[in-house]
Amino acid sequence: MEKQPHIQLDEQIAVTKAVIVGDPARVDKFKPSLEGARDLAYNREFKSICGVYAGQKVLVLSSGVGAPSAGIAVEELFNIGVRQIIRVGSAGAMQKDIDLGRLIIGIGAVRDDGLSKKYVDIAFPAVPSPELLSAAKQLAPDAVYGVVRSHDGFYMDDNAETEAYWSSKGVVGADMESGILFTLGLLRGIKTLSILNNVVLYQEDLSAGVNALVGGDDKVAKGEIASIELALKVLARVK
């Protein structure tokens, strides 16, 4: 089999479990937790490594920002034999009581992106794997569990009103990739989960929050480490 065109990987890697992250720089942060971690490929936004955690082989792949590139990553991982995918990413809180660095784990996603609608009618639910979600609840009972909203942008003129609407419906966090991950997981038979590190307080400045992530703010940095550790533990627990 030829290498997948975007992630530049093929079935010879022989891996069924993967973590996807948005930022290519986050990929290397998994290396201290993986035995025998080795670089695989780096093409466009898709950077990958592979290693062993708790006796199980794990692939880590970056997917860039948003549903289109995340969808490409999921589809091409499926093509090479991956059947479990956990997203480790960042989110903005949609409720006032969620502190920086708190983990937000989606029990479902509002499909407010464009791509997932191209796959299946909007009435189709976007939910994670019950097995992976159950494992996360056992390992991280203090995380925030709830519906997240996956969207396509930050700078629309009505963004504040849109966020207020979904917050009023009990949505706990916002990201850009969980919706397409959950949707494709159900359509392709992939077990999925999304573990998000809160980097922006509700109704606070987006730039400050994202810059805190890039700059290594203490709470946000600890949340990132916690999200990495939890993802690997969940993958190790679920067969």
C-alpha atoms as a PDB file:
ATOM      1  CA  MET A   1       0.000   0.000   0.000  1.00  0.00           C
ATOM      2  CA  GLU A   2       1.256   3.473  -0.892  1.00  0.00           C
ATOM      3  CA  LYS A   3       1.745   6.108   1.771  1.00  0.00           C
ATOM      4  CA  GLN A   4      -1.281   8.225   2.570  1.00  0.00           C
ATOM      5  CA  PRO A   5      -0.854  11.511   0.688  1.00  0.00           C
ATOM      6  CA  HIS A   6      -1.077  13.912   3.614  1.00  0.00           C
ATOM      7  CA  ILE A   7       0.155  12.111   6.720  1.00  0.00           C
ATOM      8  CA  GLN A   8       2.790  10.239   4.660  1.00  0.00           C
ATOM      9  CA  LEU A   9       2.324   6.970   6.595  1.00  0.00           C
ATOM     10  CA  ASP A  10       1.302   3.484   5.546  1.00  0.00           C
ATOM     11  CA  GLU A  11       0.163   0.178   7.062  1.00  0.00           C
ATOM     12  CA  GLN A  12       3.713  -0.971   7.727  1.00  0.00           C
ATOM     13  CA  ILE A  13       3.634   1.058  10.943  1.00  0.00           C
ATOM     14  CA  ALA A  14       1.219  -1.603  12.257  1.00  0.00           C
ATOM     15  CA  VAL A  15      -0.515   0.541  14.862  1.00  0.00           C
ATOM     16  CA  THR A  16      -4.182   0.575  15.891  1.00  0.00           C
ATOM     17  CA  LYS A  17      -4.106   3.325  18.535  1.00  0.00           C
ATOM     18  CA  ALA A  18      -3.422   6.990  17.920  1.00  0.00           C
ATOM     19  CA  VAL A  19      -3.553  10.423  19.514  1.00  0.00           C
ATOM     20  CA  ILE A  20      -4.206  13.471  17.367  1.00  0.00           C
ATOM     21  CA  VAL A  21      -3.215  16.980  18.434  1.00  0.00           C
ATOM     22  CA  GLY A  22      -3.622  20.285  16.647  1.00  0.00           C
ATOM     23  CA  ASP A  23      -0.206  21.826  17.165  1.00  0.00           C
ATOM     24  CA  PRO A  24       2.806  20.013  15.657  1.00  0.00           C
ATOM     25  CA  ALA A  25       4.877  21.283  18.608  1.00  0.00           C
ATOM     26  CA  ARG A  26       2.684  19.275  20.989  1.00  0.00           C
ATOM     27  CA  VAL A  27       3.697  16.001  19.328  1.00  0.00           C
ATOM     28  CA  ASP A  28       7.168  16.063  20.860  1.00  0.00           C
ATOM     29  CA  LYS A  29       5.675  16.559  24.321  1.00  0.00           C
ATOM     30  CA  PHE A  30       4.568  12.923  24.208  1.00  0.00           C
ATOM     31  CA  LYS A  31       8.110  11.621  23.808  1.00  0.00           C
ATOM     32  CA  PRO A  32       9.023  11.530  27.532  1.00  0.00           C
ATOM     33  CA  SER A  33       6.024   9.243  28.135  1.00  0.00           C
ATOM     34  CA  LEU A  34       6.754   6.832  25.284  1.00  0.00           C
ATOM     35  CA  GLU A  35       9.360   4.093  25.211  1.00  0.00           C
ATOM     36  CA  GLY A  36      11.427   4.045  22.035  1.00  0.00           C
ATOM     37  CA  ALA A  37       9.768   7.155  20.646  1.00  0.00           C
ATOM     38  CA  ARG A  38      10.840   7.830  17.083  1.00  0.00           C
ATOM     39  CA  ASP A  39      10.014  10.427  14.476  1.00  0.00           C
ATOM     40  CA  LEU A  40       8.013   9.186  11.513  1.00  0.00           C
ATOM     41  CA  ALA A  41       6.981  11.926   9.070  1.00  0.00           C
ATOM     42  CA  TYR A  42       6.376  15.656   8.822  1.00  0.00           C
ATOM     43  CA  ASN A  43       4.352  16.924   5.877  1.00  0.00           C
ATOM     44  CA  ARG A  44       2.420  20.183   5.953  1.00  0.00           C
ATOM     45  CA  GLU A  45       0.683  20.287   9.379  1.00  0.00           C
ATOM     46  CA  PHE A  46       0.940  16.526   9.833  1.00  0.00           C
ATOM     47  CA  LYS A  47       3.841  15.609  12.113  1.00  0.00           C
ATOM     48  CA  SER A  48       3.999  12.092  13.563  1.00  0.00           C
ATOM     49  CA  ILE A  49       5.916   9.979  16.054  1.00  0.00           C
ATOM     50  CA  CYS A  50       5.471   6.453  17.340  1.00  0.00           C
ATOM     51  CA  GLY A  51       6.386   4.762  20.602  1.00  0.00           C
ATOM     52  CA  VAL A  52       5.235   2.318  23.252  1.00  0.00           C
ATOM     53  CA  TYR A  53       3.150   3.082  26.331  1.00  0.00           C
ATOM     54  CA  ALA A  54       2.308   0.369  28.883  1.00  0.00           C
ATOM     55  CA  GLY A  55       3.296  -2.260  26.362  1.00  0.00           C
ATOM     56  CA  GLN A  56       1.111  -0.892  23.579  1.00  0.00           C
ATOM     57  CA  LYS A  57       2.209   0.851  20.421  1.00  0.00           C
ATOM     58  CA  VAL A  58       0.849   4.396  20.055  1.00  0.00           C
ATOM     59  CA  LEU A  59       1.032   6.840  17.148  1.00  0.00           C
ATOM     60  CA  VAL A  60       0.877  10.593  17.793  1.00  0.00           C
ATOM     61  CA  LEU A  61      -0.070  12.843  14.879  1.00  0.00           C
ATOM     62  CA  SER A  62      -0.689  16.573  14.577  1.00  0.00           C
ATOM     63  CA  SER A  63      -3.596  17.683  12.424  1.00  0.00           C
ATOM     64  CA  GLY A  64      -3.422  21.465  12.335  1.00  0.00           C
ATOM     65  CA  VAL A  65      -6.405  23.727  13.006  1.00  0.00           C
ATOM     66  CA  GLY A  66     -10.017  22.942  12.203  1.00  0.00           C
ATOM     67  CA  ALA A  67     -12.272  20.210  10.887  1.00  0.00           C
ATOM     68  CA  PRO A  68     -10.937  19.893   7.319  1.00  0.00           C
ATOM     69  CA  SER A  69      -7.383  18.943   8.296  1.00  0.00           C
ATOM     70  CA  ALA A  70      -8.562  16.890  11.281  1.00  0.00           C
ATOM     71  CA  GLY A  71     -10.908  15.021   8.960  1.00  0.00           C
ATOM     72  CA  ILE A  72      -8.020  14.248   6.630  1.00  0.00           C
ATOM     73  CA  ALA A  73      -5.976  12.942   9.561  1.00  0.00           C
ATOM     74  CA  VAL A  74      -8.773  10.686  10.799  1.00  0.00           C
ATOM     75  CA  GLU A  75      -9.556   9.284   7.355  1.00  0.00           C
ATOM     76  CA  GLU A  76      -5.921   8.544   6.544  1.00  0.00           C
ATOM     77  CA  LEU A  77      -5.278   7.018   9.980  1.00  0.00           C
ATOM     78  CA  PHE A  78      -8.261   4.758   9.383  1.00  0.00           C
ATOM     79  CA  ASN A  79      -6.815   3.779   6.003  1.00  0.00           C
ATOM     80  CA  ILE A  80      -3.601   2.524   7.649  1.00  0.00           C
ATOM     81  CA  GLY A  81      -5.405   0.479  10.281  1.00  0.00           C
ATOM     82  CA  VAL A  82      -5.925   2.817  13.250  1.00  0.00           C
ATOM     83  CA  ARG A  83      -9.124   1.984  15.142  1.00  0.00           C
ATOM     84  CA  GLN A  84      -8.820   4.106  18.299  1.00  0.00           C
ATOM     85  CA  ILE A  85      -8.207   7.865  18.170  1.00  0.00           C
ATOM     86  CA  ILE A  86      -8.101  10.293  21.082  1.00  0.00           C
ATOM     87  CA  ARG A  87      -7.864  14.005  20.458  1.00  0.00           C
ATOM     88  CA  VAL A  88      -5.671  15.922  22.909  1.00  0.00           C
ATOM     89  CA  GLY A  89      -6.312  19.575  22.318  1.00  0.00           C
ATOM     90  CA  SER A  90      -7.249  22.939  23.747  1.00  0.00           C
ATOM     91  CA  ALA A  91     -10.622  24.516  24.344  1.00  0.00           C
ATOM     92  CA  GLY A  92     -12.271  27.687  25.487  1.00  0.00           C
ATOM     93  CA  ALA A  93     -14.611  27.375  28.438  1.00  0.00           C
ATOM     94  CA  MET A  94     -18.294  28.028  27.798  1.00  0.00           C
ATOM     95  CA  GLN A  95     -19.247  28.202  31.478  1.00  0.00           C
ATOM     96  CA  LYS A  96     -17.910  30.622  34.094  1.00  0.00           C
ATOM     97  CA  ASP A  97     -16.837  28.058  36.690  1.00  0.00           C
ATOM     98  CA  ILE A  98     -14.216  26.284  34.532  1.00  0.00           C
ATOM     99  CA  ASP A  99     -10.686  27.355  35.466  1.00  0.00           C
ATOM    100  CA  LEU A 100      -7.616  27.500  33.225  1.00  0.00           C
ATOM    101  CA  GLY A 101      -5.936  24.122  32.882  1.00  0.00           C
ATOM    102  CA  ARG A 102      -9.116  22.213  33.746  1.00  0.00           C
ATOM    103  CA  LEU A 103      -9.744  19.212  31.525  1.00  0.00           C
ATOM    104  CA  ILE A 104     -12.946  19.254  29.479  1.00  0.00           C
ATOM    105  CA  ILE A 105     -14.035  15.899  28.063  1.00  0.00           C
ATOM    106  CA  GLY A 106     -16.777  15.840  25.471  1.00  0.00           C
ATOM    107  CA  ILE A 107     -19.740  13.514  25.922  1.00  0.00           C
ATOM    108  CA  GLY A 108     -21.011  14.825  22.613  1.00  0.00           C
ATOM    109  CA  ALA A 109     -20.436  17.713  20.233  1.00  0.00           C
ATOM    110  CA  VAL A 110     -22.526  20.395  18.589  1.00  0.00           C
ATOM    111  CA  ARG A 111     -21.666  20.006  14.911  1.00  0.00           C
ATOM    112  CA  ASP A 112     -21.234  23.701  14.166  1.00  0.00           C
ATOM    113  CA  ASP A 113     -18.566  23.032  11.554  1.00  0.00           C
ATOM    114  CA  GLY A 114     -18.951  22.849   7.808  1.00  0.00           C
ATOM    115  CA  LEU A 115     -17.249  19.562   6.992  1.00  0.00           C
ATOM    116  CA  SER A 116     -19.266  17.083   9.055  1.00  0.00           C
ATOM    117  CA  LYS A 117     -22.443  18.213   7.277  1.00  0.00           C
ATOM    118  CA  LYS A 118     -20.889  17.044   4.012  1.00  0.00           C
ATOM    119  CA  TYR A 119     -20.672  13.509   5.414  1.00  0.00           C
ATOM    120  CA  VAL A 120     -24.095  13.072   6.986  1.00  0.00           C
ATOM    121  CA  ASP A 121     -27.248  15.020   7.831  1.00  0.00           C
ATOM    122  CA  ILE A 122     -26.935  17.401  10.795  1.00  0.00           C
ATOM    123  CA  ALA A 123     -29.459  15.296  12.729  1.00  0.00           C
ATOM    124  CA  PHE A 124     -26.805  12.564  13.040  1.00  0.00           C
ATOM    125  CA  PRO A 125     -25.257  12.720  16.537  1.00  0.00           C
ATOM    126  CA  ALA A 126     -21.574  13.337  17.241  1.00  0.00           C
ATOM    127  CA  VAL A 127     -20.629  11.295  20.294  1.00  0.00           C
ATOM    128  CA  PRO A 128     -17.445   9.558  21.509  1.00  0.00           C
ATOM    129  CA  SER A 129     -16.855   5.870  22.105  1.00  0.00           C
ATOM    130  CA  PRO A 130     -18.625   4.624  25.256  1.00  0.00           C
ATOM    131  CA  GLU A 131     -15.592   2.480  26.117  1.00  0.00           C
ATOM    132  CA  LEU A 132     -13.086   5.326  25.923  1.00  0.00           C
ATOM    133  CA  LEU A 133     -15.422   7.732  27.697  1.00  0.00           C
ATOM    134  CA  SER A 134     -16.028   5.241  30.514  1.00  0.00           C
ATOM    135  CA  ALA A 135     -12.289   4.743  30.956  1.00  0.00           C
ATOM    136  CA  ALA A 136     -11.744   8.503  31.127  1.00  0.00           C
ATOM    137  CA  LYS A 137     -14.422   8.883  33.808  1.00  0.00           C
ATOM    138  CA  GLN A 138     -12.717   6.214  35.899  1.00  0.00           C
ATOM    139  CA  LEU A 139      -9.261   7.747  35.473  1.00  0.00           C
ATOM    140  CA  ALA A 140     -10.240  11.424  35.675  1.00  0.00           C
ATOM    141  CA  PRO A 141     -13.455  11.783  37.692  1.00  0.00           C
ATOM    142  CA  ASP A 142     -12.731  15.455  38.436  1.00  0.00           C
ATOM    143  CA  ALA A 143     -12.656  16.549  34.790  1.00  0.00           C
ATOM    144  CA  VAL A 144     -15.544  18.534  33.336  1.00  0.00           C
ATOM    145  CA  TYR A 145     -17.822  16.242  31.310  1.00  0.00           C
ATOM    146  CA  GLY A 146     -20.391  17.713  28.964  1.00  0.00           C
ATOM    147  CA  VAL A 147     -21.327  18.703  25.436  1.00  0.00           C
ATOM    148  CA  VAL A 148     -18.744  20.730  23.518  1.00  0.00           C
ATOM    149  CA  ARG A 149     -19.291  22.924  20.489  1.00  0.00           C
ATOM    150  CA  SER A 150     -17.059  22.465  17.453  1.00  0.00           C
ATOM    151  CA  HIS A 151     -16.912  25.493  15.184  1.00  0.00           C
ATOM    152  CA  ASP A 152     -14.952  26.904  12.261  1.00  0.00           C
ATOM    153  CA  GLY A 153     -13.719  30.315  13.387  1.00  0.00           C
ATOM    154  CA  PHE A 154     -13.262  32.993  16.037  1.00  0.00           C
ATOM    155  CA  TYR A 155     -13.621  36.316  14.289  1.00  0.00           C
ATOM    156  CA  MET A 156     -17.179  36.392  12.946  1.00  0.00           C
ATOM    157  CA  ASP A 157     -19.150  39.539  13.777  1.00  0.00           C
ATOM    158  CA  ASP A 158     -21.757  37.601  15.775  1.00  0.00           C
ATOM    159  CA  ASN A 159     -19.326  35.312  17.620  1.00  0.00           C
ATOM    160  CA  ALA A 160     -20.113  36.640  21.109  1.00  0.00           C
ATOM    161  CA  GLU A 161     -23.856  36.195  20.603  1.00  0.00           C
ATOM    162  CA  THR A 162     -23.360  32.678  19.235  1.00  0.00           C
ATOM    163  CA  GLU A 163     -21.231  31.664  22.216  1.00  0.00           C
ATOM    164  CA  ALA A 164     -23.767  33.125  24.656  1.00  0.00           C
ATOM    165  CA  TYR A 165     -26.519  31.112  23.001  1.00  0.00           C
ATOM    166  CA  TRP A 166     -24.687  27.785  23.309  1.00  0.00           C
ATOM    167  CA  SER A 167     -23.529  28.597  26.824  1.00  0.00           C
ATOM    168  CA  SER A 168     -27.180  29.100  27.800  1.00  0.00           C
ATOM    169  CA  LYS A 169     -27.885  25.581  26.544  1.00  0.00           C
ATOM    170  CA  GLY A 170     -25.280  24.100  28.907  1.00  0.00           C
ATOM    171  CA  VAL A 171     -22.408  23.594  26.466  1.00  0.00           C
ATOM    172  CA  VAL A 172     -19.207  23.394  28.533  1.00  0.00           C
ATOM    173  CA  GLY A 173     -16.445  24.147  26.037  1.00  0.00           C
ATOM    174  CA  ALA A 174     -15.601  25.046  22.456  1.00  0.00           C
ATOM    175  CA  ASP A 175     -13.036  23.625  20.068  1.00  0.00           C
ATOM    176  CA  MET A 176     -12.762  23.087  16.316  1.00  0.00           C
ATOM    177  CA  GLU A 177     -12.184  19.353  15.831  1.00  0.00           C
ATOM    178  CA  SER A 178     -14.188  17.168  18.218  1.00  0.00           C
ATOM    179  CA  GLY A 179     -17.323  17.239  16.076  1.00  0.00           C
ATOM    180  CA  ILE A 180     -15.674  15.842  12.965  1.00  0.00           C
ATOM    181  CA  LEU A 181     -13.707  13.322  15.045  1.00  0.00           C
ATOM    182  CA  PHE A 182     -16.840  11.942  16.701  1.00  0.00           C
ATOM    183  CA  THR A 183     -18.802  11.948  13.436  1.00  0.00           C
ATOM    184  CA  LEU A 184     -16.156  10.106  11.460  1.00  0.00           C
ATOM    185  CA  GLY A 185     -15.585   7.729  14.357  1.00  0.00           C
ATOM    186  CA  LEU A 186     -19.201   6.616  14.198  1.00  0.00           C
ATOM    187  CA  LEU A 187     -19.265   6.430  10.398  1.00  0.00           C
ATOM    188  CA  ARG A 188     -15.979   4.534  10.066  1.00  0.00           C
ATOM    189  CA  GLY A 189     -16.148   2.344  13.167  1.00  0.00           C
ATOM    190  CA  ILE A 190     -13.342   4.089  15.065  1.00  0.00           C
ATOM    191  CA  LYS A 191     -13.391   4.451  18.847  1.00  0.00           C
ATOM    192  CA  THR A 192     -12.916   8.135  19.635  1.00  0.00           C
ATOM    193  CA  LEU A 193     -12.561  10.511  22.567  1.00  0.00           C
ATOM    194  CA  SER A 194     -11.708  14.189  22.943  1.00  0.00           C
ATOM    195  CA  ILE A 195      -9.702  15.469  25.935  1.00  0.00           C
ATOM    196  CA  LEU A 196      -9.433  19.252  25.978  1.00  0.00           C
ATOM    197  CA  ASN A 197      -7.296  21.556  28.106  1.00  0.00           C
ATOM    198  CA  ASN A 198      -9.103  24.787  28.939  1.00  0.00           C
ATOM    199  CA  VAL A 199      -6.971  27.733  27.823  1.00  0.00           C
ATOM    200  CA  VAL A 200      -9.562  30.545  27.796  1.00  0.00           C
ATOM    201  CA  LEU A 201     -11.944  31.533  30.597  1.00  0.00           C
ATOM    202  CA  TYR A 202     -15.533  32.086  29.492  1.00  0.00           C
ATOM    203  CA  GLN A 203     -16.018  35.547  27.968  1.00  0.00           C
ATOM    204  CA  GLU A 204     -12.345  36.388  28.462  1.00  0.00           C
ATOM    205  CA  ASP A 205      -9.899  37.465  25.767  1.00  0.00           C
ATOM    206  CA  LEU A 206      -9.102  34.739  23.226  1.00  0.00           C
ATOM    207  CA  SER A 207      -5.652  36.136  22.403  1.00  0.00           C
ATOM    208  CA  ALA A 208      -4.581  36.134  26.051  1.00  0.00           C
ATOM    209  CA  GLY A 209      -5.706  32.551  26.488  1.00  0.00           C
ATOM    210  CA  VAL A 210      -4.010  31.184  23.400  1.00  0.00           C
ATOM    211  CA  ASN A 211      -0.861  33.164  24.171  1.00  0.00           C
ATOM    212  CA  ALA A 212      -0.896  31.604  27.644  1.00  0.00           C
ATOM    213  CA  LEU A 213      -0.807  28.182  25.996  1.00  0.00           C
ATOM    214  CA  VAL A 214       2.049  29.156  23.701  1.00  0.00           C
ATOM    215  CA  GLY A 215       3.924  30.918  26.490  1.00  0.00           C
ATOM    216  CA  GLY A 216       3.633  28.087  28.987  1.00  0.00           C
ATOM    217  CA  ASP A 217       1.330  29.621  31.615  1.00  0.00           C
ATOM    218  CA  ASP A 218       1.595  27.393  34.697  1.00  0.00           C
ATOM    219  CA  LYS A 219      -2.045  26.302  34.942  1.00  0.00           C
ATOM    220  CA  VAL A 220      -2.368  25.826  31.207  1.00  0.00           C
ATOM    221  CA  ALA A 221       0.935  23.921  30.998  1.00  0.00           C
ATOM    222  CA  LYS A 222      -0.138  21.584  33.790  1.00  0.00           C
ATOM    223  CA  GLY A 223      -3.433  20.999  32.001  1.00  0.00           C
ATOM    224  CA  GLU A 224      -1.602  20.086  28.818  1.00  0.00           C
ATOM    225  CA  ILE A 225       0.535  17.530  30.663  1.00  0.00           C
ATOM    226  CA  ALA A 226      -2.558  16.121  32.369  1.00  0.00           C
ATOM    227  CA  SER A 227      -4.356  15.745  29.037  1.00  0.00           C
ATOM    228  CA  ILE A 228      -1.400  13.888  27.523  1.00  0.00           C
ATOM    229  CA  GLU A 229      -1.117  11.516  30.475  1.00  0.00           C
ATOM    230  CA  LEU A 230      -4.851  10.818  30.535  1.00  0.00           C
ATOM    231  CA  ALA A 231      -5.027  10.034  26.811  1.00  0.00           C
ATOM    232  CA  LEU A 232      -2.223   7.498  27.050  1.00  0.00           C
ATOM    233  CA  LYS A 233      -3.747   5.863  30.129  1.00  0.00           C
ATOM    234  CA  VAL A 234      -7.137   5.563  28.433  1.00  0.00           C
ATOM    235  CA  LEU A 235      -5.620   3.985  25.329  1.00  0.00           C
ATOM    236  CA  ALA A 236      -3.724   1.534  27.486  1.00  0.00           C
ATOM    237  CA  ARG A 237      -6.905   0.525  29.331  1.00  0.00           C
ATOM    238  CA  VAL A 238      -9.243  -0.057  26.379  1.00  0.00           C
ATOM    239  CA  LYS A 239      -8.612  -2.938  24.003  1.00  0.00           C
END
